[in-house]
Protein backbone atom coordinates (compact mmCIF):
# COMPACT_ATOMS: atom_id res chain seq x y z
CA MET A 1 25.01 15.45 -45.91
CA ALA A 2 27.16 13.05 -43.90
CA LEU A 3 27.82 15.82 -41.39
CA ARG A 4 24.26 17.10 -41.17
CA LEU A 5 22.51 13.77 -40.63
CA PRO A 6 23.89 13.13 -37.12
CA LEU A 7 22.97 16.68 -36.17
CA ARG A 8 19.41 16.11 -37.28
CA ARG A 9 19.23 12.86 -35.33
CA SER A 10 20.64 14.59 -32.26
CA ALA A 11 18.09 17.37 -32.55
CA VAL A 12 15.28 14.87 -32.91
CA ALA A 13 16.53 12.98 -29.84
CA GLU A 14 16.73 16.24 -27.90
CA MET A 15 13.20 17.16 -28.93
CA THR A 16 11.99 13.73 -27.92
CA LEU A 17 13.59 14.09 -24.50
CA ALA A 18 12.13 17.58 -24.14
CA GLY A 19 8.73 16.22 -25.09
CA HIS A 20 9.00 13.52 -22.44
CA LEU A 21 9.97 16.08 -19.82
CA ALA A 22 7.07 18.32 -20.81
CA GLU A 23 4.71 15.35 -20.65
CA LEU A 24 6.08 14.40 -17.23
CA ARG A 25 5.63 17.95 -15.98
CA ARG A 26 2.04 18.00 -17.17
CA ARG A 27 1.30 14.67 -15.47
CA VAL A 28 2.89 15.86 -12.23
CA ILE A 29 0.89 19.12 -12.27
CA VAL A 30 -2.38 17.25 -12.84
CA SER A 31 -1.50 14.80 -10.05
CA ALA A 32 -0.64 17.63 -7.66
CA LEU A 33 -3.94 19.37 -8.41
CA ALA A 34 -5.81 16.11 -7.82
CA VAL A 35 -4.06 15.62 -4.47
CA GLY A 36 -4.84 19.21 -3.52
CA ALA A 37 -8.52 18.79 -4.38
CA GLY A 38 -8.63 15.50 -2.47
CA ALA A 39 -6.96 17.15 0.52
CA VAL A 40 -9.67 19.84 0.59
CA VAL A 41 -12.36 17.13 0.56
CA ALA A 42 -10.56 15.17 3.30
CA PHE A 43 -10.20 18.36 5.36
CA VAL A 44 -13.96 18.90 5.18
CA LEU A 45 -14.68 15.23 5.95
CA TYR A 46 -12.14 15.14 8.77
CA GLU A 47 -14.62 14.04 11.44
CA SER A 48 -15.86 11.08 9.40
CA ILE A 49 -12.32 9.97 8.49
CA LEU A 50 -11.13 10.21 12.08
CA SER A 51 -14.18 8.29 13.29
CA PHE A 52 -13.39 5.55 10.76
CA PHE A 53 -9.86 5.12 12.13
CA VAL A 54 -10.96 5.37 15.77
CA ALA A 55 -13.65 2.68 15.29
CA PRO A 56 -11.26 -0.26 16.00
CA TYR A 57 -10.31 1.38 19.30
CA CYS A 58 -13.97 1.82 20.23
CA HIS A 59 -14.47 -1.93 19.83
CA ILE A 60 -12.20 -2.67 22.78
CA VAL A 61 -13.21 0.20 25.09
CA PRO A 62 -15.06 -1.11 28.17
CA VAL A 63 -18.72 -0.25 28.51
CA GLY A 64 -19.17 3.11 30.18
CA GLN A 65 -15.73 4.40 29.23
CA ARG A 66 -15.46 7.19 26.69
CA CYS A 67 -13.97 6.28 23.32
CA ALA A 68 -11.65 9.21 22.59
CA LEU A 69 -8.05 10.11 21.77
CA TYR A 70 -6.32 12.74 23.89
CA VAL A 71 -4.04 15.58 22.78
CA THR A 72 -1.50 17.29 25.02
CA GLY A 73 -0.72 20.44 23.03
CA PRO A 74 -2.84 23.31 21.71
CA LEU A 75 -1.63 22.79 18.13
CA ASP A 76 -2.04 19.01 18.08
CA GLY A 77 -5.63 19.13 16.82
CA LEU A 78 -4.69 21.34 13.87
CA SER A 79 -1.65 19.18 13.08
CA ILE A 80 -3.73 16.00 13.09
CA ARG A 81 -6.36 17.57 10.85
CA PHE A 82 -3.79 18.72 8.28
CA ARG A 83 -2.06 15.34 8.37
CA ILE A 84 -5.30 13.49 7.73
CA ALA A 85 -6.14 15.98 4.97
CA VAL A 86 -2.84 15.31 3.18
CA TRP A 87 -3.04 11.53 3.42
CA GLY A 88 -6.72 11.58 2.61
CA GLY A 89 -5.96 13.72 -0.44
CA VAL A 90 -3.46 11.14 -1.68
CA VAL A 91 -5.95 8.30 -1.19
CA LEU A 92 -8.82 10.16 -2.85
CA ALA A 93 -6.59 11.18 -5.75
CA LEU A 94 -5.21 7.66 -6.20
CA PRO A 95 -7.33 6.87 -9.31
CA VAL A 96 -6.08 10.06 -10.95
CA LEU A 97 -2.48 9.34 -9.92
CA LEU A 98 -2.60 5.82 -11.33
CA TRP A 99 -4.24 7.03 -14.53
CA GLN A 100 -1.58 9.72 -15.03
CA LEU A 101 1.16 7.17 -14.41
CA TRP A 102 -0.46 4.75 -16.85
CA ARG A 103 -0.82 7.40 -19.55
CA PHE A 104 2.84 8.37 -19.12
CA VAL A 105 4.12 4.80 -19.33
CA THR A 106 1.75 3.47 -22.02
CA PRO A 107 3.51 5.02 -25.08
CA GLY A 108 6.67 3.06 -24.24
CA LEU A 109 4.95 -0.31 -23.97
CA HIS A 110 4.42 -2.87 -26.72
CA ALA A 111 1.00 -4.40 -27.34
CA HIS A 112 1.80 -7.66 -25.50
CA GLU A 113 3.23 -5.67 -22.57
CA LYS A 114 0.02 -3.67 -22.28
CA ARG A 115 -1.96 -6.90 -22.33
CA TYR A 116 -0.04 -8.18 -19.30
CA ALA A 117 0.21 -4.82 -17.51
CA ILE A 118 -3.54 -4.23 -17.15
CA PRO A 119 -4.37 -7.46 -15.24
CA PHE A 120 -1.25 -7.16 -13.08
CA VAL A 121 -2.07 -3.56 -12.13
CA GLY A 122 -5.68 -4.53 -11.40
CA ALA A 123 -4.59 -7.50 -9.31
CA SER A 124 -2.13 -5.30 -7.40
CA LEU A 125 -4.89 -2.87 -6.45
CA VAL A 126 -7.23 -5.67 -5.39
CA PHE A 127 -4.61 -7.39 -3.23
CA PHE A 128 -3.48 -4.13 -1.65
CA GLY A 129 -7.08 -3.31 -0.75
CA LEU A 130 -7.58 -6.83 0.59
CA GLY A 131 -4.49 -6.57 2.77
CA GLY A 132 -5.47 -3.13 4.07
CA GLY A 133 -8.99 -4.36 4.89
CA ILE A 134 -7.66 -7.36 6.81
CA ALA A 135 -5.30 -5.07 8.74
CA TRP A 136 -8.19 -2.82 9.72
CA LEU A 137 -10.19 -5.82 10.95
CA THR A 138 -7.17 -7.21 12.78
CA PHE A 139 -6.26 -3.97 14.54
CA PRO A 140 -8.76 -4.29 17.45
CA HIS A 141 -7.19 -7.63 18.44
CA ALA A 142 -3.71 -6.13 18.21
CA LEU A 143 -4.79 -3.13 20.26
CA ARG A 144 -6.39 -5.33 22.91
CA TRP A 145 -3.17 -7.35 23.22
CA LEU A 146 -1.03 -4.20 23.43
CA SER A 147 -3.33 -2.77 26.11
CA SER A 148 -3.19 -5.91 28.25
CA ILE A 149 0.50 -6.74 27.91
CA GLY A 150 1.49 -3.96 30.32
CA GLY A 151 -0.68 -5.31 33.10
CA PRO A 152 -3.81 -4.04 34.90
CA SER A 153 -1.91 -1.26 36.68
CA LEU A 154 -1.56 0.72 33.45
CA GLN A 155 -4.43 2.73 32.02
CA SER A 156 -4.29 3.42 28.30
CA ILE A 157 -4.66 7.01 27.07
CA TYR A 158 -3.79 7.16 23.39
CA ASP A 159 -2.24 10.07 21.56
CA PRO A 160 -3.78 10.62 18.09
CA SER A 161 -0.40 10.87 16.35
CA SER A 162 0.90 7.56 17.71
CA TYR A 163 -2.44 5.82 17.25
CA LEU A 164 -2.94 6.95 13.65
CA ARG A 165 0.68 6.22 12.80
CA LEU A 166 0.31 2.64 14.03
CA ILE A 167 -2.95 1.83 12.26
CA ILE A 168 -1.90 3.47 8.97
CA LEU A 169 1.47 1.70 9.08
CA LEU A 170 -0.28 -1.61 9.75
CA ILE A 171 -2.59 -1.07 6.77
CA VAL A 172 0.33 -0.17 4.50
CA VAL A 173 2.44 -3.15 5.63
CA PHE A 174 -0.44 -5.60 5.07
CA GLY A 175 -1.27 -4.00 1.72
CA VAL A 176 2.32 -4.18 0.46
CA ALA A 177 2.82 -7.71 1.81
CA PHE A 178 -0.28 -8.89 -0.02
CA GLU A 179 1.45 -7.95 -3.29
CA PHE A 180 3.57 -11.07 -2.73
CA PRO A 181 1.52 -13.37 -5.03
CA VAL A 182 1.46 -10.74 -7.78
CA LEU A 183 5.25 -10.53 -7.62
CA LEU A 184 5.66 -14.30 -7.73
CA VAL A 185 3.32 -14.69 -10.68
CA ALA A 186 5.10 -11.85 -12.51
CA LEU A 187 8.48 -13.52 -11.96
CA GLN A 188 7.11 -16.82 -13.28
CA ALA A 189 5.49 -15.12 -16.27
CA ALA A 190 8.85 -13.48 -17.07
CA ARG A 191 10.52 -16.92 -16.64
CA VAL A 192 12.85 -15.62 -13.95
CA VAL A 193 11.82 -18.49 -11.68
CA ARG A 194 10.02 -21.75 -12.40
CA PRO A 195 7.06 -23.20 -10.49
CA ALA A 196 9.10 -26.34 -9.83
CA THR A 197 11.79 -24.23 -8.14
CA LEU A 198 9.24 -22.52 -5.91
CA ALA A 199 7.65 -25.86 -5.02
CA ALA A 200 11.04 -27.39 -4.15
CA ARG A 201 11.86 -24.50 -1.80
CA ARG A 202 8.48 -24.39 -0.12
CA ARG A 203 9.80 -25.07 3.39
CA TRP A 204 12.38 -22.31 3.25
CA ALA A 205 9.75 -19.95 1.87
CA ILE A 206 7.39 -20.68 4.78
CA VAL A 207 10.17 -19.98 7.28
CA ALA A 208 11.01 -16.74 5.46
CA VAL A 209 7.34 -15.70 5.43
CA PHE A 210 6.95 -16.19 9.18
CA GLY A 211 10.23 -14.37 9.78
CA PHE A 212 9.08 -11.48 7.62
CA ALA A 213 5.74 -11.34 9.44
CA ALA A 214 7.49 -11.26 12.82
CA ILE A 215 9.76 -8.40 11.75
CA ALA A 216 7.38 -6.34 9.59
CA THR A 217 4.25 -6.37 11.78
CA PRO A 218 4.23 -2.90 13.39
CA SER A 219 2.11 -3.92 16.38
CA SER A 220 4.37 -6.97 17.12
CA ASP A 221 1.41 -8.93 18.48
CA PRO A 222 1.19 -12.67 17.69
CA PHE A 223 -2.35 -12.46 16.29
CA SER A 224 -1.39 -9.94 13.59
CA MET A 225 1.72 -11.97 12.75
CA LEU A 226 -0.37 -15.08 12.12
CA VAL A 227 -3.00 -13.15 10.16
CA LEU A 228 -0.21 -11.79 7.94
CA ALA A 229 1.84 -14.99 7.60
CA LEU A 230 -0.91 -17.55 6.94
CA PRO A 231 -2.39 -15.80 3.86
CA LEU A 232 1.11 -15.29 2.45
CA CYS A 233 1.76 -19.03 2.74
CA LEU A 234 -1.55 -19.69 0.98
CA PHE A 235 -0.66 -17.13 -1.70
CA TYR A 236 2.66 -18.90 -2.22
CA GLU A 237 0.89 -22.14 -3.09
CA LEU A 238 -1.66 -20.38 -5.29
CA SER A 239 1.07 -18.54 -7.18
CA ILE A 240 2.73 -21.88 -7.98
CA LEU A 241 -0.55 -23.15 -9.45
CA VAL A 242 -1.02 -19.97 -11.48
CA GLY A 243 2.59 -20.20 -12.69
CA ARG A 244 2.02 -23.75 -13.91
CA LEU A 245 -1.09 -22.65 -15.78
CA LEU A 246 0.85 -19.79 -17.39
CA ARG A 247 3.59 -22.15 -18.57
CA ARG A 248 0.99 -24.41 -20.19
């Protein structure tokens, strides 16, 4: 019996690992199918999606000038359509992806961990959407500055790949940066840092925020830097208040 018991435990552990791998495979397959279905929908709605991203550019086009992006190769149009389909598929399948991830992680969480995870995940989605929305509204100002910085002798003709890369990168950077308050509150809830420590290092944090905004802003225009840095400074103060409430 003393020799058989470890073997049984090892077999159970191996079965548990195999079960986790099977569960992971099933979640990945469902996620891939969701992305594929979303890509088909985005491929069909390509014109509407492209018009949505081109709208900030149309806001700065002078009256009488055509609002259009120009391609230089015969395969560029097909490449852009497939690229938008893939990224659109990921965005449309995001609820399914998050649900599959949640269902895979949930069995390993305790009850109190689940209680904290749900509001933090919800807050992360809200702040990412808020940051992406602000980036989309900010982009026309950034584009106007980029168009004027070269002087009146240069006429802007934008390539779809470069244009879409810039606006998508700006949305992602703003969305990820706006997770800053969620991270700070999580660190305070886990008692890694204290609100008093954050309050004492406020000046250094503001300098770091403006430095991060200057480096991370893809368009490198001063307006976008300020729009990114000022809310992060406000979020820093709000996270200190929330941390104090959590400690009470």
